[in-house]
Amino acid sequence: MEQVLVAEGWQILARRCRTQAGELDLITERDGLLVFVEVKRRASLAEAAASLSARQSARLQLAAEIWMGEHPGHGGAGVRFDVVVLDPTGAMRRVADAVRQGLG
């Protein structure tokens, strides 16, 4: 999965980053766009996509705020939250902008 992101021009800033609010799976940036990537692996892509709860979305947003406070200078072109869903066969789908402030 990371190889795909790097091939698309994303710089990996952090992996499995722990904050007081919880863990951020992957933090990437490209052209000033900062993206927090949540990775979900389940028996099917549909199950993985459905596994992100509103509570977890809120936790991810808080963890991202903490990370940004500790790492100023990133995200000049914006911030978004993507979800990458995986199944046991290796099938992968990235849902860009899957988590929005106030949604979930």
N, C-alpha and C. Protein backbone atom coordinates (compact mmCIF):
# COMPACT_ATOMS: atom_id res chain seq x y z
N MET A 1 0.82 -1.18 0.00
CA MET A 1 0.00 0.00 0.00
C MET A 1 0.87 1.26 0.00
N GLU A 2 1.89 1.28 0.85
CA GLU A 2 2.74 2.46 0.90
C GLU A 2 3.46 2.68 -0.43
N GLN A 3 3.82 1.59 -1.10
CA GLN A 3 4.49 1.71 -2.39
C GLN A 3 3.61 2.42 -3.40
N VAL A 4 2.31 2.16 -3.34
CA VAL A 4 1.37 2.81 -4.25
C VAL A 4 1.33 4.31 -3.96
N LEU A 5 1.25 4.67 -2.70
CA LEU A 5 1.22 6.08 -2.33
C LEU A 5 2.49 6.80 -2.75
N VAL A 6 3.64 6.19 -2.52
CA VAL A 6 4.91 6.80 -2.90
C VAL A 6 4.98 6.95 -4.42
N ALA A 7 4.52 5.93 -5.15
CA ALA A 7 4.52 5.99 -6.61
C ALA A 7 3.63 7.13 -7.12
N GLU A 8 2.60 7.46 -6.35
CA GLU A 8 1.71 8.56 -6.72
C GLU A 8 2.26 9.92 -6.28
N GLY A 9 3.44 9.92 -5.68
CA GLY A 9 4.08 11.18 -5.30
C GLY A 9 3.88 11.60 -3.86
N TRP A 10 3.27 10.74 -3.03
CA TRP A 10 3.06 11.07 -1.63
C TRP A 10 4.34 10.82 -0.84
N GLN A 11 4.65 11.74 0.06
CA GLN A 11 5.77 11.56 0.98
C GLN A 11 5.20 10.99 2.28
N ILE A 12 5.78 9.90 2.75
CA ILE A 12 5.35 9.30 4.01
C ILE A 12 6.03 10.07 5.14
N LEU A 13 5.25 10.74 5.97
CA LEU A 13 5.79 11.51 7.09
C LEU A 13 5.88 10.68 8.36
N ALA A 14 4.92 9.77 8.56
CA ALA A 14 4.92 8.95 9.78
C ALA A 14 4.06 7.71 9.57
N ARG A 15 4.44 6.67 10.30
CA ARG A 15 3.69 5.41 10.31
C ARG A 15 3.35 5.08 11.75
N ARG A 16 2.14 4.65 11.98
CA ARG A 16 1.69 4.22 13.30
C ARG A 16 2.12 5.22 14.39
N CYS A 17 1.75 6.44 14.18
CA CYS A 17 2.11 7.54 15.07
C CYS A 17 1.15 7.57 16.26
N ARG A 18 1.69 7.48 17.44
CA ARG A 18 0.87 7.49 18.65
C ARG A 18 0.74 8.91 19.19
N THR A 19 -0.48 9.28 19.54
CA THR A 19 -0.74 10.56 20.19
C THR A 19 -1.55 10.28 21.45
N GLN A 20 -1.79 11.32 22.23
CA GLN A 20 -2.61 11.16 23.43
C GLN A 20 -4.03 10.74 23.09
N ALA A 21 -4.49 11.06 21.88
CA ALA A 21 -5.85 10.72 21.47
C ALA A 21 -5.95 9.37 20.77
N GLY A 22 -4.81 8.77 20.46
CA GLY A 22 -4.81 7.49 19.78
C GLY A 22 -3.80 7.46 18.65
N GLU A 23 -3.82 6.38 17.92
CA GLU A 23 -2.83 6.15 16.88
C GLU A 23 -3.32 6.61 15.51
N LEU A 24 -2.41 7.20 14.75
CA LEU A 24 -2.65 7.55 13.35
C LEU A 24 -1.87 6.54 12.52
N ASP A 25 -2.57 5.81 11.65
CA ASP A 25 -1.92 4.74 10.90
C ASP A 25 -0.83 5.24 9.96
N LEU A 26 -1.15 6.26 9.19
CA LEU A 26 -0.20 6.74 8.19
C LEU A 26 -0.44 8.23 7.97
N ILE A 27 0.64 8.98 7.88
CA ILE A 27 0.53 10.42 7.62
C ILE A 27 1.36 10.70 6.37
N THR A 28 0.71 11.29 5.37
CA THR A 28 1.37 11.56 4.10
C THR A 28 1.16 13.01 3.68
N GLU A 29 2.01 13.47 2.75
CA GLU A 29 1.84 14.82 2.24
C GLU A 29 2.31 14.85 0.78
N ARG A 30 1.58 15.61 -0.02
CA ARG A 30 1.96 15.84 -1.42
C ARG A 30 1.52 17.24 -1.81
N ASP A 31 2.45 18.01 -2.33
CA ASP A 31 2.15 19.37 -2.78
C ASP A 31 1.44 20.19 -1.70
N GLY A 32 1.85 20.00 -0.45
CA GLY A 32 1.28 20.76 0.65
C GLY A 32 -0.03 20.24 1.19
N LEU A 33 -0.59 19.20 0.58
CA LEU A 33 -1.83 18.58 1.07
C LEU A 33 -1.45 17.49 2.06
N LEU A 34 -1.84 17.67 3.31
CA LEU A 34 -1.54 16.72 4.38
C LEU A 34 -2.70 15.74 4.49
N VAL A 35 -2.39 14.45 4.45
CA VAL A 35 -3.44 13.43 4.49
C VAL A 35 -3.14 12.43 5.61
N PHE A 36 -4.11 12.27 6.48
CA PHE A 36 -4.06 11.24 7.52
C PHE A 36 -4.81 10.04 6.97
N VAL A 37 -4.13 8.90 6.91
CA VAL A 37 -4.70 7.70 6.29
C VAL A 37 -5.01 6.68 7.38
N GLU A 38 -6.26 6.29 7.46
CA GLU A 38 -6.70 5.23 8.36
C GLU A 38 -6.79 3.94 7.54
N VAL A 39 -6.16 2.88 8.02
CA VAL A 39 -6.14 1.61 7.29
C VAL A 39 -7.07 0.63 8.00
N LYS A 40 -7.97 0.04 7.21
CA LYS A 40 -8.92 -0.94 7.74
C LYS A 40 -8.80 -2.23 6.95
N ARG A 41 -8.54 -3.33 7.63
CA ARG A 41 -8.45 -4.64 6.99
C ARG A 41 -9.55 -5.53 7.58
N ARG A 42 -10.37 -6.05 6.71
CA ARG A 42 -11.47 -6.93 7.12
C ARG A 42 -11.61 -8.06 6.10
N ALA A 43 -12.59 -8.92 6.31
CA ALA A 43 -12.82 -10.07 5.42
C ALA A 43 -13.23 -9.63 4.01
N SER A 44 -13.83 -8.46 3.90
CA SER A 44 -14.20 -7.93 2.58
C SER A 44 -13.97 -6.43 2.57
N LEU A 45 -13.88 -5.88 1.37
CA LEU A 45 -13.71 -4.42 1.26
C LEU A 45 -14.92 -3.70 1.85
N ALA A 46 -16.12 -4.26 1.64
CA ALA A 46 -17.33 -3.63 2.16
C ALA A 46 -17.31 -3.59 3.69
N GLU A 47 -16.91 -4.70 4.31
CA GLU A 47 -16.83 -4.74 5.77
C GLU A 47 -15.79 -3.74 6.28
N ALA A 48 -14.68 -3.65 5.59
CA ALA A 48 -13.63 -2.71 5.99
C ALA A 48 -14.14 -1.28 5.89
N ALA A 49 -14.83 -0.96 4.80
CA ALA A 49 -15.33 0.39 4.60
C ALA A 49 -16.36 0.77 5.66
N ALA A 50 -17.14 -0.19 6.10
CA ALA A 50 -18.20 0.08 7.08
C ALA A 50 -17.69 0.10 8.52
N SER A 51 -16.42 -0.22 8.72
CA SER A 51 -15.92 -0.39 10.09
C SER A 51 -15.47 0.90 10.77
N LEU A 52 -15.50 2.01 10.07
CA LEU A 52 -15.09 3.28 10.67
C LEU A 52 -16.29 3.96 11.31
N SER A 53 -16.29 4.02 12.62
CA SER A 53 -17.42 4.58 13.36
C SER A 53 -17.29 6.09 13.51
N ALA A 54 -18.38 6.72 13.88
CA ALA A 54 -18.37 8.16 14.14
C ALA A 54 -17.43 8.48 15.31
N ARG A 55 -17.43 7.64 16.31
CA ARG A 55 -16.55 7.85 17.46
C ARG A 55 -15.08 7.77 17.04
N GLN A 56 -14.77 6.80 16.19
CA GLN A 56 -13.39 6.67 15.73
C GLN A 56 -13.00 7.85 14.83
N SER A 57 -13.92 8.31 14.02
CA SER A 57 -13.66 9.49 13.18
C SER A 57 -13.30 10.69 14.04
N ALA A 58 -14.03 10.89 15.12
CA ALA A 58 -13.75 12.00 16.03
C ALA A 58 -12.39 11.84 16.68
N ARG A 59 -12.05 10.62 17.07
CA ARG A 59 -10.75 10.35 17.67
C ARG A 59 -9.62 10.63 16.67
N LEU A 60 -9.82 10.24 15.41
CA LEU A 60 -8.81 10.50 14.38
C LEU A 60 -8.59 12.00 14.19
N GLN A 61 -9.67 12.75 14.19
CA GLN A 61 -9.56 14.19 14.02
C GLN A 61 -8.80 14.83 15.19
N LEU A 62 -9.08 14.38 16.41
CA LEU A 62 -8.36 14.90 17.57
C LEU A 62 -6.88 14.52 17.51
N ALA A 63 -6.59 13.27 17.17
CA ALA A 63 -5.20 12.83 17.06
C ALA A 63 -4.47 13.65 15.99
N ALA A 64 -5.14 13.94 14.89
CA ALA A 64 -4.53 14.75 13.83
C ALA A 64 -4.24 16.17 14.31
N GLU A 65 -5.16 16.73 15.07
CA GLU A 65 -4.93 18.08 15.62
C GLU A 65 -3.70 18.09 16.53
N ILE A 66 -3.56 17.06 17.33
CA ILE A 66 -2.40 16.96 18.22
C ILE A 66 -1.13 16.86 17.38
N TRP A 67 -1.14 15.99 16.36
CA TRP A 67 0.05 15.83 15.51
C TRP A 67 0.40 17.14 14.82
N MET A 68 -0.58 17.83 14.28
CA MET A 68 -0.31 19.09 13.58
C MET A 68 0.24 20.15 14.54
N GLY A 69 -0.23 20.15 15.78
CA GLY A 69 0.30 21.08 16.77
C GLY A 69 1.75 20.81 17.08
N GLU A 70 2.15 19.55 17.01
CA GLU A 70 3.53 19.17 17.29
C GLU A 70 4.43 19.26 16.05
N HIS A 71 3.82 19.37 14.86
CA HIS A 71 4.57 19.40 13.60
C HIS A 71 4.05 20.54 12.72
N PRO A 72 4.27 21.78 13.14
CA PRO A 72 3.78 22.91 12.33
C PRO A 72 4.50 22.95 10.98
N GLY A 73 3.86 23.59 10.03
CA GLY A 73 4.48 23.74 8.72
C GLY A 73 4.01 22.74 7.69
N HIS A 74 3.11 21.86 8.08
CA HIS A 74 2.57 20.89 7.13
C HIS A 74 1.11 21.25 6.83
N GLY A 75 0.65 20.85 5.67
CA GLY A 75 -0.75 21.04 5.32
C GLY A 75 -1.09 22.43 4.81
N GLY A 76 -0.13 23.13 4.22
CA GLY A 76 -0.40 24.46 3.71
C GLY A 76 -1.48 24.50 2.63
N ALA A 77 -1.63 23.39 1.90
CA ALA A 77 -2.65 23.31 0.85
C ALA A 77 -3.93 22.64 1.34
N GLY A 78 -3.97 22.28 2.62
CA GLY A 78 -5.17 21.66 3.17
C GLY A 78 -4.87 20.36 3.89
N VAL A 79 -5.89 19.85 4.54
CA VAL A 79 -5.80 18.61 5.31
C VAL A 79 -7.02 17.77 4.98
N ARG A 80 -6.81 16.47 4.84
CA ARG A 80 -7.95 15.58 4.67
C ARG A 80 -7.66 14.24 5.33
N PHE A 81 -8.71 13.45 5.45
CA PHE A 81 -8.61 12.12 6.05
C PHE A 81 -9.07 11.10 5.01
N ASP A 82 -8.19 10.17 4.67
CA ASP A 82 -8.52 9.10 3.74
C ASP A 82 -8.63 7.80 4.51
N VAL A 83 -9.38 6.86 3.95
CA VAL A 83 -9.45 5.51 4.49
C VAL A 83 -8.99 4.57 3.39
N VAL A 84 -8.07 3.68 3.74
CA VAL A 84 -7.65 2.62 2.82
C VAL A 84 -8.23 1.33 3.37
N VAL A 85 -9.00 0.64 2.54
CA VAL A 85 -9.60 -0.63 2.96
C VAL A 85 -8.90 -1.77 2.22
N LEU A 86 -8.65 -2.83 2.97
CA LEU A 86 -7.95 -4.00 2.44
C LEU A 86 -8.71 -5.25 2.79
N ASP A 87 -8.61 -6.26 1.92
CA ASP A 87 -9.17 -7.57 2.26
C ASP A 87 -8.04 -8.60 2.25
N PRO A 88 -8.32 -9.83 2.69
CA PRO A 88 -7.25 -10.83 2.79
C PRO A 88 -6.58 -11.19 1.46
N THR A 89 -7.24 -10.93 0.33
CA THR A 89 -6.63 -11.24 -0.97
C THR A 89 -5.63 -10.19 -1.41
N GLY A 90 -5.58 -9.07 -0.69
CA GLY A 90 -4.68 -7.98 -1.07
C GLY A 90 -5.38 -6.89 -1.87
N ALA A 91 -6.66 -7.07 -2.13
CA ALA A 91 -7.41 -6.02 -2.81
C ALA A 91 -7.43 -4.78 -1.94
N MET A 92 -7.31 -3.62 -2.58
CA MET A 92 -7.21 -2.37 -1.84
C MET A 92 -8.04 -1.31 -2.52
N ARG A 93 -8.64 -0.46 -1.72
CA ARG A 93 -9.35 0.71 -2.24
C ARG A 93 -9.10 1.86 -1.29
N ARG A 94 -8.79 3.01 -1.87
CA ARG A 94 -8.60 4.22 -1.05
C ARG A 94 -9.81 5.11 -1.24
N VAL A 95 -10.39 5.52 -0.14
CA VAL A 95 -11.52 6.44 -0.15
C VAL A 95 -10.97 7.79 0.30
N ALA A 96 -10.81 8.70 -0.66
CA ALA A 96 -10.26 10.02 -0.36
C ALA A 96 -11.30 10.87 0.35
N ASP A 97 -10.87 11.64 1.32
CA ASP A 97 -11.73 12.57 2.05
C ASP A 97 -12.91 11.85 2.69
N ALA A 98 -12.62 10.69 3.27
CA ALA A 98 -13.67 9.85 3.84
C ALA A 98 -14.20 10.36 5.17
N VAL A 99 -13.40 11.12 5.88
CA VAL A 99 -13.78 11.64 7.19
C VAL A 99 -13.76 13.16 7.09
N ARG A 100 -14.87 13.78 7.37
CA ARG A 100 -14.94 15.24 7.33
C ARG A 100 -15.31 15.76 8.70
N GLN A 101 -14.82 16.94 9.00
CA GLN A 101 -15.13 17.59 10.27
C GLN A 101 -16.66 17.68 10.41
N GLY A 102 -17.16 17.16 11.52
CA GLY A 102 -18.59 17.24 11.77
C GLY A 102 -19.40 16.13 11.14
N LEU A 103 -18.78 15.27 10.37
CA LEU A 103 -19.46 14.13 9.76
C LEU A 103 -18.94 12.87 10.38
N GLY A 104 -19.63 11.76 10.12
CA GLY A 104 -19.08 10.50 10.60
C GLY A 104 -20.12 9.53 10.84
